[in-house]
Every structure is written in structure tokens, then in C-alpha cells.
Amino acid sequence: MSLTPTKQPIIPRIKRETIKKLLARGERIDGRRFEDYRPIKAYLNPIPKAEGSALVRLGNTIVMTGVKIEVGTPFPDRPEEGVLQVNAEFVPLASPTFEPGPPDEFAIEAARVVDRNLREPRAVRLEDLVIIPGKKVWIVFNDIYLLDHDGNIIDTGMLSTMLALNTARIPSIISIEGDSVIVDKKNKDKKLGLNLNVVTVSIGIINDYLLVDPNLEEELVLDGKITIGFDEKGRITGIQRTGMHGIPSNMIDEIVSLASKKAVELHNYLREVLNNPTTYSKTLAEIMKSEG
């Protein structure tokens, strides 16, 4: 578990007090119950030229993930495995607080949380990505782009990542001569090997209230937030705590139990999308038209 401070825009005091008064009445500012996720929409293969891609809308938060697979060199200490690299970029148009330039510490944090929850349960079969042992392997670049920020970036990014990896196909190898590997990027006939799916569940804490999937306004008044990853077997794959306030020990069991229950819902949604790829596959142009 790691702790990362937050950097957020300032919320007006009156909005802060309104949120807390609503919580005391058992209500949230957007009308949801405390344990409800916002509506989720997922789209497969919005980027046809990528090896795999997905776009997920969680409420008004929109994240797109693209997967690129290229031939490269394995890490010296892992010659019998391919390479997975997870990157995140917060596009400036997603929020007035985002600036152009290299990924900041918060984009790096989001990428690391997603990466950690993929690596811990070995979600990607890296051993299947070896071309020439110790010399040439497939490198999987998983690039996460935040397009619109309205809170809970990590859960949205984890969903889009998992869907993109499931759609990913490995380019065909034309020939191998010595250490040289020639590939055909136009033909992708092999699925990326996955062992299992992973989701994350983020829960915000305000006083003694637990809020599943906090939106941006709620994030701005949280005492803290905890994100827990779960694989499809119900095992915890990672924990991330954000915020400067501690979490009372008597709340931990309740948080884990609630997160576990919501993870089952997210895994069910993943299966629904992946079992009906034709229904959920759309290009960016089609998505923009349907979103109106």
C-alpha cells in the first residue's frame, strides 16, 4: 500500500458544506446511493490501427486506452518474459487543472496503480511473449488517456485497460533470421495471452461515510480515498490510499467487504462487454455520434 498526496482545484466552501449536509441526510450530490457506481458505457476497438483499444465512460469521466505491441529486448533479469509498460496521460482538454507537457506525478500514480494490479496476479502471460529467448520479445505498451475528468480516474482507466488488453492481437511474424524479426503489422492473428481480468474499486471517505466511485466534486472534499484491486477470483491484487487523513482501523473490514461486492458487479460488466464484442465495438466517429 502506498500513500500519495492529492493536488486538486479549490471547491467553494458553500459546495463543500452542501455535500456534507446531503451526506448527513443519506444523500449524495448527484442523487446516487452511497454504494452506487455512476452509469458505465464501454466501447471496444475505437482505434482500428491499434493492436487493441477501448473507451470507457464512467459518469462524465472518459478514458481511452490503446495497446501497441512491438518487437523489443527483454529485461536482463527476465530474459524469458516479454515486457508490459503502462503509461497514462491526462490530456489538457480533460480539465482546466491539466497542463501540456510530460505526465505529472498524478498521471504517473494512475499508471502505476493500474500496472501494479496487472502484475501482482500476472494478468498478462508475459512468458508467451518471448520470440527469441533472451534476445527478442514482444513489448506491450498500454497507454491510458484521460479525455474528460469528473472523478475516479483509476477505476475508469482499469476498466478501459482490461478491455483493451482483451481485444489486443499480436502482429504476425513473417520471418526470423538470426536476431532479426520481421513482422507484418497489418495481419494480427494471435490474441494477447491473459490469465485473468482485474478491476479496481475506489471508495471515498468523508467523516464516517463511505462513497463508492466518488465524482470530482466529492473527491474535492474527501478525507481520504482507498482503491482496492480484485481479480475475477475475488483475490485482492493491490491497495492504494490517497489523502492525508488516516483511515480508522474499525472501517477497514467494512471497506474491503464493500469493495469486494462492487468488484463482482464490475467483473460481471466486463464479461457482458467481452461476450458481446459486436454490440460494443464502435469507432471514435460512431462513439461521438452516439454520445451526441
C-alpha atoms as a PDB file:
ATOM      1  CA  MET A   1       0.000   0.000   0.000  1.00  0.00           C
ATOM      2  CA  SER A   2       1.281   3.459  -0.827  1.00  0.00           C
ATOM      3  CA  LEU A   3       0.215   6.944   0.169  1.00  0.00           C
ATOM      4  CA  THR A   4       0.124   9.817  -2.294  1.00  0.00           C
ATOM      5  CA  PRO A   5      -0.905  13.411  -1.524  1.00  0.00           C
ATOM      6  CA  THR A   6      -3.603  14.935  -3.677  1.00  0.00           C
ATOM      7  CA  LYS A   7      -3.496  18.039  -5.874  1.00  0.00           C
ATOM      8  CA  GLN A   8      -6.976  19.281  -6.603  1.00  0.00           C
ATOM      9  CA  PRO A   9      -8.661  22.537  -7.579  1.00  0.00           C
ATOM     10  CA  ILE A  10     -10.359  24.516  -4.825  1.00  0.00           C
ATOM     11  CA  ILE A  11     -14.054  23.865  -4.247  1.00  0.00           C
ATOM     12  CA  PRO A  12     -16.217  26.705  -2.900  1.00  0.00           C
ATOM     13  CA  ARG A  13     -16.975  26.458   0.814  1.00  0.00           C
ATOM     14  CA  ILE A  14     -20.737  26.528   0.171  1.00  0.00           C
ATOM     15  CA  LYS A  15     -20.472  23.486  -2.148  1.00  0.00           C
ATOM     16  CA  ARG A  16     -18.372  21.675   0.439  1.00  0.00           C
ATOM     17  CA  GLU A  17     -20.969  22.287   3.138  1.00  0.00           C
ATOM     18  CA  THR A  18     -23.808  21.273   0.791  1.00  0.00           C
ATOM     19  CA  ILE A  19     -22.151  17.913   0.085  1.00  0.00           C
ATOM     20  CA  LYS A  20     -21.656  17.214   3.779  1.00  0.00           C
ATOM     21  CA  LYS A  21     -25.220  18.216   4.687  1.00  0.00           C
ATOM     22  CA  LEU A  22     -26.587  15.908   1.996  1.00  0.00           C
ATOM     23  CA  LEU A  23     -24.471  13.036   3.295  1.00  0.00           C
ATOM     24  CA  ALA A  24     -25.884  13.575   6.791  1.00  0.00           C
ATOM     25  CA  ARG A  25     -29.344  13.058   5.232  1.00  0.00           C
ATOM     26  CA  GLY A  26     -28.192   9.901   3.454  1.00  0.00           C
ATOM     27  CA  GLU A  27     -27.959  11.577   0.042  1.00  0.00           C
ATOM     28  CA  ARG A  28     -25.231  12.297  -2.490  1.00  0.00           C
ATOM     29  CA  ILE A  29     -24.919  15.436  -4.573  1.00  0.00           C
ATOM     30  CA  ASP A  30     -25.706  13.570  -7.807  1.00  0.00           C
ATOM     31  CA  GLY A  31     -28.593  11.587  -6.332  1.00  0.00           C
ATOM     32  CA  ARG A  32     -26.853   8.219  -6.075  1.00  0.00           C
ATOM     33  CA  ARG A  33     -26.883   5.900  -3.119  1.00  0.00           C
ATOM     34  CA  PHE A  34     -23.616   5.702  -1.194  1.00  0.00           C
ATOM     35  CA  GLU A  35     -22.724   2.316  -2.712  1.00  0.00           C
ATOM     36  CA  ASP A  36     -23.683   3.010  -6.328  1.00  0.00           C
ATOM     37  CA  TYR A  37     -21.402   3.447  -9.316  1.00  0.00           C
ATOM     38  CA  ARG A  38     -22.290   6.030 -11.915  1.00  0.00           C
ATOM     39  CA  PRO A  39     -23.576   4.662 -15.255  1.00  0.00           C
ATOM     40  CA  ILE A  40     -20.866   2.851 -17.230  1.00  0.00           C
ATOM     41  CA  LYS A  41     -20.573   2.762 -21.006  1.00  0.00           C
ATOM     42  CA  ALA A  42     -17.816   0.788 -22.728  1.00  0.00           C
ATOM     43  CA  TYR A  43     -16.765   0.701 -26.367  1.00  0.00           C
ATOM     44  CA  LEU A  44     -14.351  -1.779 -27.939  1.00  0.00           C
ATOM     45  CA  ASN A  45     -11.865  -1.085 -30.738  1.00  0.00           C
ATOM     46  CA  PRO A  46     -12.393   2.677 -31.176  1.00  0.00           C
ATOM     47  CA  ILE A  47      -8.860   2.888 -32.647  1.00  0.00           C
ATOM     48  CA  PRO A  48      -8.712   0.416 -35.575  1.00  0.00           C
ATOM     49  CA  LYS A  49      -4.958   0.849 -36.153  1.00  0.00           C
ATOM     50  CA  ALA A  50      -4.046  -0.061 -32.578  1.00  0.00           C
ATOM     51  CA  GLU A  51      -3.371  -3.663 -31.597  1.00  0.00           C
ATOM     52  CA  GLY A  52      -6.201  -3.252 -29.072  1.00  0.00           C
ATOM     53  CA  SER A  53      -8.252  -0.372 -27.700  1.00  0.00           C
ATOM     54  CA  ALA A  54     -11.240   0.549 -25.572  1.00  0.00           C
ATOM     55  CA  LEU A  55     -13.051   3.651 -24.398  1.00  0.00           C
ATOM     56  CA  VAL A  56     -14.921   3.738 -21.084  1.00  0.00           C
ATOM     57  CA  ARG A  57     -17.267   6.416 -19.810  1.00  0.00           C
ATOM     58  CA  LEU A  58     -17.966   6.353 -16.068  1.00  0.00           C
ATOM     59  CA  GLY A  59     -20.478   9.097 -15.439  1.00  0.00           C
ATOM     60  CA  ASN A  60     -18.777  12.059 -17.098  1.00  0.00           C
ATOM     61  CA  THR A  61     -15.252  10.676 -16.733  1.00  0.00           C
ATOM     62  CA  ILE A  62     -13.952   9.373 -20.065  1.00  0.00           C
ATOM     63  CA  VAL A  63     -10.798   7.305 -20.514  1.00  0.00           C
ATOM     64  CA  MET A  64      -9.464   5.715 -23.680  1.00  0.00           C
ATOM     65  CA  THR A  65      -6.748   3.048 -23.675  1.00  0.00           C
ATOM     66  CA  GLY A  66      -4.716   1.991 -26.675  1.00  0.00           C
ATOM     67  CA  VAL A  67      -2.436  -1.053 -26.852  1.00  0.00           C
ATOM     68  CA  LYS A  68       0.608  -1.134 -29.120  1.00  0.00           C
ATOM     69  CA  ILE A  69       2.719  -4.302 -29.489  1.00  0.00           C
ATOM     70  CA  GLU A  70       6.240  -4.156 -30.897  1.00  0.00           C
ATOM     71  CA  VAL A  71       9.362  -6.311 -31.031  1.00  0.00           C
ATOM     72  CA  GLY A  72      11.999  -5.364 -28.462  1.00  0.00           C
ATOM     73  CA  THR A  73      14.590  -6.603 -25.994  1.00  0.00           C
ATOM     74  CA  PRO A  74      13.669  -8.299 -22.684  1.00  0.00           C
ATOM     75  CA  PHE A  75      14.841  -7.010 -19.333  1.00  0.00           C
ATOM     76  CA  PRO A  76      18.221  -8.569 -18.423  1.00  0.00           C
ATOM     77  CA  ASP A  77      16.817 -10.083 -15.225  1.00  0.00           C
ATOM     78  CA  ARG A  78      13.753 -11.521 -17.031  1.00  0.00           C
ATOM     79  CA  PRO A  79      15.063 -12.969 -20.297  1.00  0.00           C
ATOM     80  CA  GLU A  80      12.204 -15.473 -20.528  1.00  0.00           C
ATOM     81  CA  GLU A  81       9.425 -12.891 -20.380  1.00  0.00           C
ATOM     82  CA  GLY A  82       8.005 -10.199 -22.604  1.00  0.00           C
ATOM     83  CA  VAL A  83       7.542  -6.640 -21.382  1.00  0.00           C
ATOM     84  CA  LEU A  84       4.425  -4.763 -20.262  1.00  0.00           C
ATOM     85  CA  GLN A  85       4.612  -0.979 -19.989  1.00  0.00           C
ATOM     86  CA  VAL A  86       1.682   1.019 -18.639  1.00  0.00           C
ATOM     87  CA  ASN A  87       1.615   4.773 -19.244  1.00  0.00           C
ATOM     88  CA  ALA A  88      -1.011   7.425 -18.515  1.00  0.00           C
ATOM     89  CA  GLU A  89      -1.543  10.878 -19.930  1.00  0.00           C
ATOM     90  CA  PHE A  90      -4.040  13.444 -18.705  1.00  0.00           C
ATOM     91  CA  VAL A  91      -4.992  15.354 -21.847  1.00  0.00           C
ATOM     92  CA  PRO A  92      -5.215  19.120 -21.120  1.00  0.00           C
ATOM     93  CA  LEU A  93      -8.746  19.332 -22.550  1.00  0.00           C
ATOM     94  CA  ALA A  94      -9.907  16.904 -19.828  1.00  0.00           C
ATOM     95  CA  SER A  95      -9.640  19.511 -17.051  1.00  0.00           C
ATOM     96  CA  PRO A  96      -8.653  23.167 -16.565  1.00  0.00           C
ATOM     97  CA  THR A  97      -6.068  21.968 -13.997  1.00  0.00           C
ATOM     98  CA  PHE A  98      -4.152  19.820 -16.520  1.00  0.00           C
ATOM     99  CA  GLU A  99      -1.238  21.370 -18.387  1.00  0.00           C
ATOM    100  CA  PRO A 100       0.585  20.344 -21.586  1.00  0.00           C
ATOM    101  CA  GLY A 101       3.866  18.525 -21.200  1.00  0.00           C
ATOM    102  CA  PRO A 102       5.173  15.249 -19.776  1.00  0.00           C
ATOM    103  CA  PRO A 103       2.888  13.225 -17.467  1.00  0.00           C
ATOM    104  CA  ASP A 104       2.821  14.730 -13.980  1.00  0.00           C
ATOM    105  CA  GLU A 105       3.024  12.799 -10.714  1.00  0.00           C
ATOM    106  CA  PHE A 106      -0.712  12.118 -10.695  1.00  0.00           C
ATOM    107  CA  ALA A 107      -0.735  10.586 -14.169  1.00  0.00           C
ATOM    108  CA  ILE A 108       2.291   8.547 -13.124  1.00  0.00           C
ATOM    109  CA  GLU A 109       0.441   7.420  -9.988  1.00  0.00           C
ATOM    110  CA  ALA A 110      -2.587   6.292 -12.021  1.00  0.00           C
ATOM    111  CA  ALA A 111      -0.345   4.325 -14.389  1.00  0.00           C
ATOM    112  CA  ARG A 112       1.473   2.671 -11.501  1.00  0.00           C
ATOM    113  CA  VAL A 113      -1.742   1.621  -9.770  1.00  0.00           C
ATOM    114  CA  VAL A 114      -3.048   0.016 -12.972  1.00  0.00           C
ATOM    115  CA  ASP A 115       0.360  -1.563 -13.634  1.00  0.00           C
ATOM    116  CA  ARG A 116       0.629  -2.981 -10.119  1.00  0.00           C
ATOM    117  CA  ASN A 117      -2.812  -4.544 -10.262  1.00  0.00           C
ATOM    118  CA  LEU A 118      -1.924  -6.239 -13.546  1.00  0.00           C
ATOM    119  CA  ARG A 119       1.463  -7.522 -12.386  1.00  0.00           C
ATOM    120  CA  GLU A 120       0.585  -8.862  -8.961  1.00  0.00           C
ATOM    121  CA  PRO A 121      -1.797 -11.586 -10.278  1.00  0.00           C
ATOM    122  CA  ARG A 122       0.183 -11.936 -13.542  1.00  0.00           C
ATOM    123  CA  ALA A 123      -2.858 -10.905 -15.559  1.00  0.00           C
ATOM    124  CA  VAL A 124      -0.819 -10.851 -18.781  1.00  0.00           C
ATOM    125  CA  ARG A 125       1.026 -14.035 -19.747  1.00  0.00           C
ATOM    126  CA  LEU A 126       4.424 -12.422 -20.259  1.00  0.00           C
ATOM    127  CA  GLU A 127       6.063 -15.809 -20.791  1.00  0.00           C
ATOM    128  CA  ASP A 128       4.044 -16.195 -24.010  1.00  0.00           C
ATOM    129  CA  LEU A 129       5.605 -13.043 -25.466  1.00  0.00           C
ATOM    130  CA  VAL A 130       9.091 -14.486 -25.992  1.00  0.00           C
ATOM    131  CA  ILE A 131      10.226 -14.662 -29.636  1.00  0.00           C
ATOM    132  CA  ILE A 132      13.946 -15.454 -29.240  1.00  0.00           C
ATOM    133  CA  PRO A 133      14.755 -16.340 -25.600  1.00  0.00           C
ATOM    134  CA  GLY A 134      16.949 -13.703 -24.012  1.00  0.00           C
ATOM    135  CA  LYS A 135      17.096 -11.619 -27.192  1.00  0.00           C
ATOM    136  CA  LYS A 136      13.743 -10.691 -28.708  1.00  0.00           C
ATOM    137  CA  VAL A 137      10.300 -10.419 -27.119  1.00  0.00           C
ATOM    138  CA  TRP A 138       7.036  -8.635 -27.684  1.00  0.00           C
ATOM    139  CA  ILE A 139       6.718  -5.358 -25.765  1.00  0.00           C
ATOM    140  CA  VAL A 140       3.143  -4.428 -24.871  1.00  0.00           C
ATOM    141  CA  PHE A 141       2.584  -0.680 -24.482  1.00  0.00           C
ATOM    142  CA  ASN A 142      -0.655   0.065 -22.630  1.00  0.00           C
ATOM    143  CA  ASP A 143      -1.341   3.803 -22.986  1.00  0.00           C
ATOM    144  CA  ILE A 144      -4.141   5.361 -20.920  1.00  0.00           C
ATOM    145  CA  TYR A 145      -5.580   8.719 -21.985  1.00  0.00           C
ATOM    146  CA  LEU A 146      -7.886  10.704 -19.720  1.00  0.00           C
ATOM    147  CA  LEU A 147     -10.170  12.650 -22.047  1.00  0.00           C
ATOM    148  CA  ASP A 148     -12.672  14.096 -19.571  1.00  0.00           C
ATOM    149  CA  HIS A 149     -12.138  14.309 -15.809  1.00  0.00           C
ATOM    150  CA  ASP A 150     -15.068  14.065 -13.419  1.00  0.00           C
ATOM    151  CA  GLY A 151     -13.514  11.904 -10.723  1.00  0.00           C
ATOM    152  CA  ASN A 152     -12.396   8.311 -10.179  1.00  0.00           C
ATOM    153  CA  ILE A 153      -9.777   8.134 -12.903  1.00  0.00           C
ATOM    154  CA  ILE A 154      -8.248   4.870 -11.709  1.00  0.00           C
ATOM    155  CA  ASP A 155     -11.363   2.670 -11.858  1.00  0.00           C
ATOM    156  CA  THR A 156     -12.183   4.048 -15.304  1.00  0.00           C
ATOM    157  CA  GLY A 157      -8.619   3.529 -16.500  1.00  0.00           C
ATOM    158  CA  MET A 158      -8.524  -0.002 -15.126  1.00  0.00           C
ATOM    159  CA  LEU A 159     -11.729  -0.928 -16.966  1.00  0.00           C
ATOM    160  CA  SER A 160     -10.543   0.552 -20.259  1.00  0.00           C
ATOM    161  CA  THR A 161      -7.156  -1.124 -19.845  1.00  0.00           C
ATOM    162  CA  MET A 162      -8.655  -4.545 -19.201  1.00  0.00           C
ATOM    163  CA  LEU A 163     -10.973  -4.255 -22.186  1.00  0.00           C
ATOM    164  CA  ALA A 164      -8.183  -3.014 -24.451  1.00  0.00           C
ATOM    165  CA  LEU A 165      -5.894  -5.882 -23.430  1.00  0.00           C
ATOM    166  CA  ASN A 166      -8.679  -8.377 -24.104  1.00  0.00           C
ATOM    167  CA  THR A 167      -9.119  -7.021 -27.626  1.00  0.00           C
ATOM    168  CA  ALA A 168      -5.379  -6.883 -28.350  1.00  0.00           C
ATOM    169  CA  ARG A 169      -3.951  -9.002 -31.154  1.00  0.00           C
ATOM    170  CA  ILE A 170      -0.257  -9.709 -31.788  1.00  0.00           C
ATOM    171  CA  PRO A 171       1.144  -8.914 -35.262  1.00  0.00           C
ATOM    172  CA  SER A 172       2.162 -11.864 -37.421  1.00  0.00           C
ATOM    173  CA  ILE A 173       5.836 -12.809 -37.691  1.00  0.00           C
ATOM    174  CA  ILE A 174       6.949 -13.086 -41.315  1.00  0.00           C
ATOM    175  CA  SER A 175      10.447 -14.382 -40.669  1.00  0.00           C
ATOM    176  CA  ILE A 176      13.199 -14.771 -38.077  1.00  0.00           C
ATOM    177  CA  GLU A 177      16.781 -14.570 -39.337  1.00  0.00           C
ATOM    178  CA  GLY A 178      19.373 -14.666 -36.589  1.00  0.00           C
ATOM    179  CA  ASP A 179      18.353 -11.922 -34.156  1.00  0.00           C
ATOM    180  CA  SER A 180      16.242 -10.121 -36.756  1.00  0.00           C
ATOM    181  CA  VAL A 181      12.462 -10.427 -36.554  1.00  0.00           C
ATOM    182  CA  ILE A 182      10.304  -9.250 -39.465  1.00  0.00           C
ATOM    183  CA  VAL A 183       6.630  -8.675 -38.675  1.00  0.00           C
ATOM    184  CA  ASP A 184       3.502  -7.868 -40.639  1.00  0.00           C
ATOM    185  CA  LYS A 185       1.661  -5.123 -38.734  1.00  0.00           C
ATOM    186  CA  LYS A 186      -1.371  -5.440 -40.994  1.00  0.00           C
ATOM    187  CA  ASN A 187      -2.016  -9.050 -40.024  1.00  0.00           C
ATOM    188  CA  LYS A 188      -2.757  -9.746 -36.371  1.00  0.00           C
ATOM    189  CA  ASP A 189      -3.765 -13.348 -35.959  1.00  0.00           C
ATOM    190  CA  LYS A 190      -2.972 -14.159 -32.338  1.00  0.00           C
ATOM    191  CA  LYS A 191      -4.733 -12.942 -29.204  1.00  0.00           C
ATOM    192  CA  LEU A 192      -2.677 -11.427 -26.406  1.00  0.00           C
ATOM    193  CA  GLY A 193      -2.493 -14.086 -23.700  1.00  0.00           C
ATOM    194  CA  LEU A 194      -4.283 -13.193 -20.465  1.00  0.00           C
ATOM    195  CA  ASN A 195      -4.594 -15.263 -17.308  1.00  0.00           C
ATOM    196  CA  LEU A 196      -7.483 -13.333 -15.772  1.00  0.00           C
ATOM    197  CA  ASN A 197      -9.237  -9.980 -15.560  1.00  0.00           C
ATOM    198  CA  VAL A 198      -8.730  -7.355 -12.860  1.00  0.00           C
ATOM    199  CA  VAL A 199     -10.859  -4.407 -11.715  1.00  0.00           C
ATOM    200  CA  THR A 200     -10.331  -1.715  -9.105  1.00  0.00           C
ATOM    201  CA  VAL A 201     -12.912  -0.246  -6.748  1.00  0.00           C
ATOM    202  CA  SER A 202     -12.358   3.240  -5.327  1.00  0.00           C
ATOM    203  CA  ILE A 203     -14.135   4.283  -2.143  1.00  0.00           C
ATOM    204  CA  GLY A 204     -14.094   7.815  -0.779  1.00  0.00           C
ATOM    205  CA  ILE A 205     -14.238   8.561   2.952  1.00  0.00           C
ATOM    206  CA  ILE A 206     -15.883  11.642   4.448  1.00  0.00           C
ATOM    207  CA  ASN A 207     -16.235  11.510   8.228  1.00  0.00           C
ATOM    208  CA  ASP A 208     -17.804   8.056   8.730  1.00  0.00           C
ATOM    209  CA  TYR A 209     -19.396   7.865   5.279  1.00  0.00           C
ATOM    210  CA  LEU A 210     -18.132   5.532   2.555  1.00  0.00           C
ATOM    211  CA  LEU A 211     -18.814   6.649  -1.015  1.00  0.00           C
ATOM    212  CA  VAL A 212     -18.278   4.238  -3.909  1.00  0.00           C
ATOM    213  CA  ASP A 213     -16.972   5.841  -7.104  1.00  0.00           C
ATOM    214  CA  PRO A 214     -16.653   9.449  -5.860  1.00  0.00           C
ATOM    215  CA  ASN A 215     -17.207  12.047  -8.551  1.00  0.00           C
ATOM    216  CA  LEU A 216     -14.919  15.060  -8.836  1.00  0.00           C
ATOM    217  CA  GLU A 217     -16.915  17.314  -6.507  1.00  0.00           C
ATOM    218  CA  GLU A 218     -16.913  14.589  -3.870  1.00  0.00           C
ATOM    219  CA  GLU A 219     -13.199  13.930  -4.345  1.00  0.00           C
ATOM    220  CA  LEU A 220     -12.511  17.559  -3.510  1.00  0.00           C
ATOM    221  CA  VAL A 221     -13.971  17.186  -0.019  1.00  0.00           C
ATOM    222  CA  LEU A 222     -12.847  13.646   0.854  1.00  0.00           C
ATOM    223  CA  ASP A 223     -10.875  12.941   3.993  1.00  0.00           C
ATOM    224  CA  GLY A 224      -9.277  10.093   2.088  1.00  0.00           C
ATOM    225  CA  LYS A 225      -9.759   7.537  -0.638  1.00  0.00           C
ATOM    226  CA  ILE A 226      -8.821   3.903  -0.915  1.00  0.00           C
ATOM    227  CA  THR A 227      -8.604   1.893  -4.142  1.00  0.00           C
ATOM    228  CA  ILE A 228      -8.593  -1.906  -3.967  1.00  0.00           C
ATOM    229  CA  GLY A 229      -7.924  -4.190  -6.914  1.00  0.00           C
ATOM    230  CA  PHE A 230      -9.629  -7.574  -7.289  1.00  0.00           C
ATOM    231  CA  ASP A 231      -9.098 -10.320  -9.830  1.00  0.00           C
ATOM    232  CA  GLU A 232     -12.042 -12.359 -11.080  1.00  0.00           C
ATOM    233  CA  LYS A 233     -11.385 -14.997  -8.418  1.00  0.00           C
ATOM    234  CA  GLY A 234     -12.049 -12.405  -5.717  1.00  0.00           C
ATOM    235  CA  ARG A 235      -8.414 -12.081  -4.636  1.00  0.00           C
ATOM    236  CA  ILE A 236      -7.025  -8.660  -3.719  1.00  0.00           C
ATOM    237  CA  THR A 237      -4.380  -7.570  -6.230  1.00  0.00           C
ATOM    238  CA  GLY A 238      -3.394  -4.212  -4.778  1.00  0.00           C
ATOM    239  CA  ILE A 239      -4.336  -1.387  -2.423  1.00  0.00           C
ATOM    240  CA  GLN A 240      -3.737   2.327  -2.863  1.00  0.00           C
ATOM    241  CA  ARG A 241      -4.597   5.013  -0.320  1.00  0.00           C
ATOM    242  CA  THR A 242      -4.833   8.673  -1.255  1.00  0.00           C
ATOM    243  CA  GLY A 243      -5.195  11.633   1.095  1.00  0.00           C
ATOM    244  CA  MET A 244      -3.534  12.950   4.210  1.00  0.00           C
ATOM    245  CA  HIS A 245      -6.057  11.629   6.741  1.00  0.00           C
ATOM    246  CA  GLY A 246      -5.724   8.184   8.267  1.00  0.00           C
ATOM    247  CA  ILE A 247      -8.403   5.508   7.925  1.00  0.00           C
ATOM    248  CA  PRO A 248      -9.832   4.243  11.230  1.00  0.00           C
ATOM    249  CA  SER A 249      -8.975   0.585  11.720  1.00  0.00           C
ATOM    250  CA  ASN A 250     -12.591  -0.270  12.516  1.00  0.00           C
ATOM    251  CA  MET A 251     -13.575   0.807   8.967  1.00  0.00           C
ATOM    252  CA  ILE A 252     -11.117  -1.404   7.102  1.00  0.00           C
ATOM    253  CA  ASP A 253     -13.241  -4.565   7.154  1.00  0.00           C
ATOM    254  CA  GLU A 254     -16.305  -2.626   6.011  1.00  0.00           C
ATOM    255  CA  ILE A 255     -14.334  -1.007   3.167  1.00  0.00           C
ATOM    256  CA  VAL A 256     -12.907  -4.315   1.934  1.00  0.00           C
ATOM    257  CA  SER A 257     -16.309  -6.015   2.129  1.00  0.00           C
ATOM    258  CA  LEU A 258     -17.998  -3.201   0.190  1.00  0.00           C
ATOM    259  CA  ALA A 259     -15.219  -3.066  -2.412  1.00  0.00           C
ATOM    260  CA  SER A 260     -15.367  -6.834  -2.880  1.00  0.00           C
ATOM    261  CA  LYS A 261     -19.103  -6.674  -3.567  1.00  0.00           C
ATOM    262  CA  LYS A 262     -18.719  -3.876  -6.103  1.00  0.00           C
ATOM    263  CA  ALA A 263     -15.842  -5.697  -7.810  1.00  0.00           C
ATOM    264  CA  VAL A 264     -18.211  -8.570  -8.590  1.00  0.00           C
ATOM    265  CA  GLU A 265     -20.503  -6.089 -10.368  1.00  0.00           C
ATOM    266  CA  LEU A 266     -17.611  -4.680 -12.415  1.00  0.00           C
ATOM    267  CA  HIS A 267     -16.398  -8.147 -13.391  1.00  0.00           C
ATOM    268  CA  ASN A 268     -19.928  -9.026 -14.485  1.00  0.00           C
ATOM    269  CA  TYR A 269     -19.974  -5.914 -16.646  1.00  0.00           C
ATOM    270  CA  LEU A 270     -16.603  -6.808 -18.168  1.00  0.00           C
ATOM    271  CA  ARG A 271     -17.900 -10.241 -19.078  1.00  0.00           C
ATOM    272  CA  GLU A 272     -21.040  -8.755 -20.611  1.00  0.00           C
ATOM    273  CA  VAL A 273     -18.967  -6.491 -22.863  1.00  0.00           C
ATOM    274  CA  LEU A 274     -16.387  -9.125 -23.798  1.00  0.00           C
ATOM    275  CA  ASN A 275     -19.031 -11.757 -24.537  1.00  0.00           C
ATOM    276  CA  ASN A 276     -20.793  -9.389 -26.944  1.00  0.00           C
ATOM    277  CA  PRO A 277     -17.953  -7.716 -28.873  1.00  0.00           C
ATOM    278  CA  THR A 278     -20.086  -6.866 -31.898  1.00  0.00           C
ATOM    279  CA  THR A 279     -22.580  -4.957 -29.780  1.00  0.00           C
ATOM    280  CA  TYR A 280     -19.909  -2.898 -28.022  1.00  0.00           C
ATOM    281  CA  SER A 281     -17.456  -2.325 -30.895  1.00  0.00           C
ATOM    282  CA  LYS A 282     -17.542   1.238 -32.259  1.00  0.00           C
ATOM    283  CA  THR A 283     -15.153   3.633 -33.964  1.00  0.00           C
ATOM    284  CA  LEU A 284     -14.461   7.035 -32.434  1.00  0.00           C
ATOM    285  CA  ALA A 285     -16.693   8.662 -35.036  1.00  0.00           C
ATOM    286  CA  GLU A 286     -19.567   6.321 -34.110  1.00  0.00           C
ATOM    287  CA  ILE A 287     -18.995   6.951 -30.399  1.00  0.00           C
ATOM    288  CA  MET A 288     -19.071  10.722 -30.875  1.00  0.00           C
ATOM    289  CA  LYS A 289     -22.298  10.416 -32.865  1.00  0.00           C
ATOM    290  CA  SER A 290     -23.973   8.149 -30.281  1.00  0.00           C
ATOM    291  CA  GLU A 291     -22.845  10.369 -27.383  1.00  0.00           C
ATOM    292  CA  GLY A 292     -24.398  13.279 -29.202  1.00  0.00           C
END
